[in-house]
Amino acid sequence: MIELTGLQVKDFIHPEESVAWNALMKATWLKRLLDWLGSYQARLELKTNLLGNTFGVTREDMPELYCMIREVCDVLDYRQPIQVYVYRSSDLDIKIYYGDTPVLIYPDFILNDYDRDMIRFETGRAVTMLKSDNAQLRVALWAAIPLVSGIPAVGEVAVPVLASWLRKADYTEDRGGLLVCQNMGIAAKTLMRRCGLPTRYIDVSVLPAYLRTCKAASGLSGVSQAAQTLYRAAAWNNDRVTELYKWYSSGMYDDLVEEFE
């Protein structure tokens, strides 16, 4: 596994995330609101979900998971220590509490259903979020969207901008996951699982045909999907597969990794 010492998130950020971020930061009042919401939500998360609904595990409890997290951090050149919690859920996202010591909160579904390489990909996404300092902002944005949606004049402008950034950040974090597992087949398998395919039925050899089907379906949905996407705060799962494969097949992934060999 190639360690990407010196890697910065800006080296592989999805270009549309940069555009959405710049638009987000132009509204100073919105930035102040997000800073406050992020801090408030982090404290609330600590008091309710983290301490009330999750179970903290140590390196002695789950040595293989901690070892894998350390490997992921080494590959992405992220040097802060991380604590691990687990909770009962069928969710497919690793949650993050970004306090004095960052915490990764794993749903038991991932730990039971995913193989080690798939967990590595998802952990890479989470550490990418920590490395880019997006963890607290994501929490703030999820809280801000329903808040500003209730103010018609503000919501019509702000919500599409907030939602756009969240969708594009998904694409960047997928790139981080690929840089960690360094295998497009593993990345595709994990994202196809998110699309609903049971793990035992996933065959990455059919990825090109799968992507053609996704493209055709997207074309048929047309205006309807575009309208729904405008206010959607998470990227469509099929779009995530397509976007990551596009980046990988463009040669930009190989060019980036070769810089560190």
Protein backbone atom coordinates (compact mmCIF):
# COMPACT_ATOMS: atom_id res chain seq x y z
CA MET A 1 0.00 0.00 0.00
CA ILE A 2 1.51 3.35 -1.07
CA GLU A 3 1.56 5.97 1.70
CA LEU A 4 0.71 9.40 0.29
CA THR A 5 2.90 11.46 2.60
CA GLY A 6 2.26 15.16 2.09
CA LEU A 7 -1.10 14.59 0.40
CA GLN A 8 -3.61 17.44 0.68
CA VAL A 9 -7.33 17.16 0.00
CA LYS A 10 -6.99 19.97 -2.55
CA ASP A 11 -4.86 17.54 -4.59
CA PHE A 12 -7.92 15.42 -5.38
CA ILE A 13 -10.94 17.59 -4.55
CA HIS A 14 -13.82 17.33 -7.00
CA PRO A 15 -13.75 20.60 -9.01
CA GLU A 16 -17.46 21.21 -8.48
CA GLU A 17 -16.98 21.02 -4.72
CA SER A 18 -14.52 23.93 -4.97
CA VAL A 19 -17.10 25.95 -6.91
CA ALA A 20 -19.85 25.15 -4.40
CA TRP A 21 -17.52 25.96 -1.50
CA ASN A 22 -16.63 29.36 -2.92
CA ALA A 23 -20.30 30.17 -3.39
CA LEU A 24 -21.00 29.07 0.19
CA MET A 25 -18.29 31.26 1.69
CA LYS A 26 -19.42 34.42 -0.10
CA ALA A 27 -22.40 34.70 2.26
CA THR A 28 -20.71 35.84 5.49
CA TRP A 29 -23.94 35.66 7.50
CA LEU A 30 -24.34 32.05 6.42
CA LYS A 31 -20.79 31.20 7.40
CA ARG A 32 -21.38 32.68 10.90
CA LEU A 33 -24.59 30.68 11.21
CA LEU A 34 -22.82 27.48 10.16
CA ASP A 35 -19.96 28.05 12.62
CA TRP A 36 -22.45 28.42 15.46
CA LEU A 37 -24.58 25.48 14.36
CA GLY A 38 -21.54 23.25 13.96
CA SER A 39 -20.36 23.98 17.50
CA TYR A 40 -23.86 23.57 18.96
CA GLN A 41 -24.59 20.35 17.08
CA ALA A 42 -21.23 18.87 18.08
CA ARG A 43 -22.02 19.44 21.77
CA LEU A 44 -25.52 18.04 21.30
CA GLU A 45 -24.14 14.99 19.49
CA LEU A 46 -21.74 14.34 22.36
CA LYS A 47 -24.45 14.54 25.03
CA THR A 48 -27.12 12.53 23.23
CA ASN A 49 -25.97 10.16 20.50
CA LEU A 50 -22.34 9.57 21.42
CA LEU A 51 -22.79 9.06 25.15
CA GLY A 52 -26.34 7.72 25.02
CA ASN A 53 -26.59 5.45 21.98
CA THR A 54 -23.09 4.20 21.17
CA PHE A 55 -20.45 1.97 22.71
CA GLY A 56 -16.83 3.02 22.94
CA VAL A 57 -14.31 0.35 21.98
CA THR A 58 -10.60 0.36 22.69
CA ARG A 59 -7.64 -1.01 20.76
CA GLU A 60 -7.75 -4.06 23.05
CA ASP A 61 -11.43 -4.64 22.21
CA MET A 62 -11.06 -4.43 18.41
CA PRO A 63 -7.34 -4.53 17.53
CA GLU A 64 -7.90 -5.33 13.82
CA LEU A 65 -10.19 -2.33 13.31
CA TYR A 66 -7.80 0.02 15.09
CA CYS A 67 -4.89 -1.34 13.07
CA MET A 68 -6.81 -0.76 9.84
CA ILE A 69 -7.71 2.80 10.87
CA ARG A 70 -4.04 3.47 11.57
CA GLU A 71 -3.13 2.16 8.11
CA VAL A 72 -5.78 4.38 6.50
CA CYS A 73 -4.47 7.42 8.39
CA ASP A 74 -0.90 6.60 7.31
CA VAL A 75 -1.92 6.37 3.64
CA LEU A 76 -3.76 9.72 3.77
CA ASP A 77 -1.10 11.34 5.98
CA TYR A 78 -3.55 12.13 8.78
CA ARG A 79 -1.72 12.20 12.08
CA GLN A 80 -4.32 12.83 14.79
CA PRO A 81 -5.27 9.95 17.11
CA ILE A 82 -8.80 8.61 16.62
CA GLN A 83 -11.27 6.99 19.01
CA VAL A 84 -13.81 4.41 17.88
CA TYR A 85 -17.43 3.90 18.85
CA VAL A 86 -19.98 1.46 17.46
CA TYR A 87 -23.77 1.57 17.40
CA ARG A 88 -26.72 -0.55 16.30
CA SER A 89 -27.88 0.60 12.88
CA SER A 90 -28.41 -0.48 9.27
CA ASP A 91 -26.88 2.84 8.16
CA LEU A 92 -24.07 2.72 5.59
CA ASP A 93 -22.22 5.84 6.75
CA ILE A 94 -19.52 6.08 9.39
CA LYS A 95 -20.53 9.01 11.58
CA ILE A 96 -17.99 11.48 12.90
CA TYR A 97 -17.75 13.45 16.11
CA TYR A 98 -15.14 16.14 15.67
CA GLY A 99 -14.09 17.18 19.18
CA ASP A 100 -10.72 17.46 20.88
CA THR A 101 -10.10 13.90 19.76
CA PRO A 102 -11.91 12.88 16.55
CA VAL A 103 -14.27 9.93 16.88
CA LEU A 104 -15.36 7.51 14.17
CA ILE A 105 -18.73 5.93 14.93
CA TYR A 106 -19.27 2.68 13.01
CA PRO A 107 -22.73 1.18 12.43
CA ASP A 108 -22.66 -2.52 13.26
CA PHE A 109 -24.18 -3.26 9.84
CA ILE A 110 -20.95 -2.23 8.09
CA LEU A 111 -18.79 -4.21 10.49
CA ASN A 112 -20.93 -7.33 9.99
CA ASP A 113 -21.79 -7.08 6.27
CA TYR A 114 -18.70 -5.52 4.65
CA ASP A 115 -15.40 -7.26 4.09
CA ARG A 116 -12.17 -5.69 5.34
CA ASP A 117 -11.42 -3.92 2.06
CA MET A 118 -14.89 -2.37 1.90
CA ILE A 119 -14.55 -1.14 5.49
CA ARG A 120 -11.18 0.32 4.52
CA PHE A 121 -12.81 2.27 1.67
CA GLU A 122 -15.50 3.68 3.97
CA THR A 123 -12.90 4.51 6.62
CA GLY A 124 -10.91 6.34 3.94
CA ARG A 125 -13.98 8.45 3.16
CA ALA A 126 -14.38 9.31 6.86
CA VAL A 127 -10.71 10.21 7.35
CA THR A 128 -10.84 12.34 4.19
CA MET A 129 -13.68 14.26 5.82
CA LEU A 130 -11.56 14.77 8.93
CA LYS A 131 -8.50 15.78 6.92
CA SER A 132 -10.47 18.37 4.95
CA ASP A 133 -12.05 19.79 8.14
CA ASN A 134 -15.46 19.11 6.61
CA ALA A 135 -16.78 17.00 9.49
CA GLN A 136 -18.19 19.81 11.63
CA LEU A 137 -19.37 21.76 8.58
CA ARG A 138 -21.36 18.75 7.39
CA VAL A 139 -23.10 18.55 10.77
CA ALA A 140 -23.86 22.27 10.56
CA LEU A 141 -25.21 22.03 7.03
CA TRP A 142 -27.57 19.18 7.87
CA ALA A 143 -28.91 21.33 10.71
CA ALA A 144 -29.02 24.50 8.62
CA ILE A 145 -31.00 23.17 5.64
CA PRO A 146 -34.31 22.63 7.48
CA LEU A 147 -33.74 25.88 9.39
CA VAL A 148 -33.28 28.13 6.36
CA SER A 149 -35.88 26.20 4.35
CA GLY A 150 -38.53 27.73 6.61
CA ILE A 151 -37.56 31.24 5.47
CA PRO A 152 -38.86 31.46 1.87
CA ALA A 153 -36.72 34.34 0.63
CA VAL A 154 -33.57 32.86 2.15
CA GLY A 155 -34.29 29.17 1.60
CA GLU A 156 -34.82 29.49 -2.15
CA VAL A 157 -31.28 30.82 -2.51
CA ALA A 158 -29.39 29.15 0.34
CA VAL A 159 -30.71 25.58 0.32
CA PRO A 160 -29.59 24.74 -3.26
CA VAL A 161 -26.11 26.09 -2.44
CA LEU A 162 -25.86 24.11 0.81
CA ALA A 163 -27.20 20.94 -0.81
CA SER A 164 -24.85 21.30 -3.78
CA TRP A 165 -21.80 21.45 -1.53
CA LEU A 166 -22.89 18.35 0.39
CA ARG A 167 -23.38 16.38 -2.84
CA LYS A 168 -20.01 17.39 -4.27
CA ALA A 169 -18.25 16.66 -0.97
CA ASP A 170 -19.50 13.07 -1.35
CA TYR A 171 -17.57 12.81 -4.63
CA THR A 172 -14.36 14.10 -3.02
CA GLU A 173 -14.67 11.69 -0.09
CA ASP A 174 -15.18 8.79 -2.52
CA ARG A 175 -11.88 9.77 -4.13
CA GLY A 176 -10.27 9.63 -0.69
CA GLY A 177 -11.68 6.14 -0.19
CA LEU A 178 -10.20 5.01 -3.51
CA LEU A 179 -6.81 6.50 -2.65
CA VAL A 180 -6.84 4.42 0.52
CA CYS A 181 -7.86 1.05 -0.92
CA GLN A 182 -5.98 1.79 -4.19
CA ASN A 183 -8.23 -0.61 -6.08
CA MET A 184 -11.13 0.55 -8.27
CA GLY A 185 -12.78 -2.87 -7.98
CA ILE A 186 -13.03 -2.54 -4.20
CA ALA A 187 -14.31 1.03 -4.45
CA ALA A 188 -16.91 0.02 -7.05
CA LYS A 189 -18.00 -2.98 -4.98
CA THR A 190 -18.58 -0.76 -1.93
CA LEU A 191 -20.52 1.87 -3.86
CA MET A 192 -22.59 -0.77 -5.68
CA ARG A 193 -23.50 -2.18 -2.27
CA ARG A 194 -24.84 1.27 -1.40
CA CYS A 195 -27.03 1.06 -4.50
CA GLY A 196 -28.76 -1.96 -2.99
CA LEU A 197 -26.92 -4.95 -4.44
CA PRO A 198 -26.35 -7.67 -1.81
CA THR A 199 -22.62 -8.17 -1.28
CA ARG A 200 -22.62 -11.79 -2.44
CA TYR A 201 -24.15 -10.82 -5.80
CA ILE A 202 -21.79 -7.97 -6.66
CA ASP A 203 -19.60 -8.71 -9.68
CA VAL A 204 -17.32 -5.77 -10.49
CA SER A 205 -16.52 -7.25 -13.91
CA VAL A 206 -19.93 -5.98 -15.06
CA LEU A 207 -19.08 -2.40 -13.99
CA PRO A 208 -18.95 -0.97 -17.57
CA ALA A 209 -22.41 -2.42 -18.34
CA TYR A 210 -23.65 -1.20 -14.96
CA LEU A 211 -22.46 2.34 -15.71
CA ARG A 212 -24.14 2.28 -19.14
CA THR A 213 -27.40 1.29 -17.46
CA CYS A 214 -27.00 4.14 -14.92
CA LYS A 215 -26.37 6.62 -17.72
CA ALA A 216 -29.42 5.48 -19.65
CA ALA A 217 -31.62 5.65 -16.55
CA SER A 218 -30.33 9.14 -15.75
CA GLY A 219 -31.18 10.30 -19.27
CA LEU A 220 -34.72 8.98 -18.97
CA SER A 221 -35.32 10.72 -15.65
CA GLY A 222 -34.44 14.07 -17.23
CA VAL A 223 -36.05 17.18 -15.77
CA SER A 224 -37.67 15.29 -12.90
CA GLN A 225 -34.35 14.12 -11.46
CA ALA A 226 -32.74 17.53 -12.02
CA ALA A 227 -35.50 19.18 -9.99
CA GLN A 228 -35.15 16.67 -7.17
CA THR A 229 -31.36 16.97 -7.19
CA LEU A 230 -31.46 20.75 -6.66
CA TYR A 231 -32.53 20.38 -3.03
CA ARG A 232 -30.96 16.98 -2.36
CA ALA A 233 -28.29 17.02 0.37
CA ALA A 234 -26.58 13.77 -0.67
CA ALA A 235 -25.28 12.59 -4.02
CA TRP A 236 -27.28 9.93 -5.84
CA ASN A 237 -25.62 6.55 -5.26
CA ASN A 238 -25.43 5.68 -8.97
CA ASP A 239 -23.90 9.10 -9.69
CA ARG A 240 -21.21 8.39 -7.11
CA VAL A 241 -20.19 5.20 -8.92
CA THR A 242 -20.14 7.06 -12.24
CA GLU A 243 -18.19 10.08 -10.95
CA LEU A 244 -15.53 7.98 -9.23
CA TYR A 245 -15.02 5.74 -12.25
CA LYS A 246 -14.78 8.81 -14.48
CA TRP A 247 -11.98 10.21 -12.29
CA TYR A 248 -10.20 6.84 -12.17
CA SER A 249 -10.40 6.21 -15.91
CA SER A 250 -9.28 9.77 -16.74
CA GLY A 251 -5.77 8.92 -15.55
CA MET A 252 -5.81 11.58 -12.81
CA TYR A 253 -5.93 8.92 -10.09
CA ASP A 254 -2.85 7.12 -11.48
CA ASP A 255 -1.00 10.41 -11.98
CA LEU A 256 -1.63 11.39 -8.35
CA VAL A 257 -0.54 8.05 -6.88
CA GLU A 258 2.58 7.93 -9.06
CA GLU A 259 3.75 11.19 -7.50
CA PHE A 260 4.20 9.35 -4.20
CA GLU A 261 5.77 6.10 -5.45
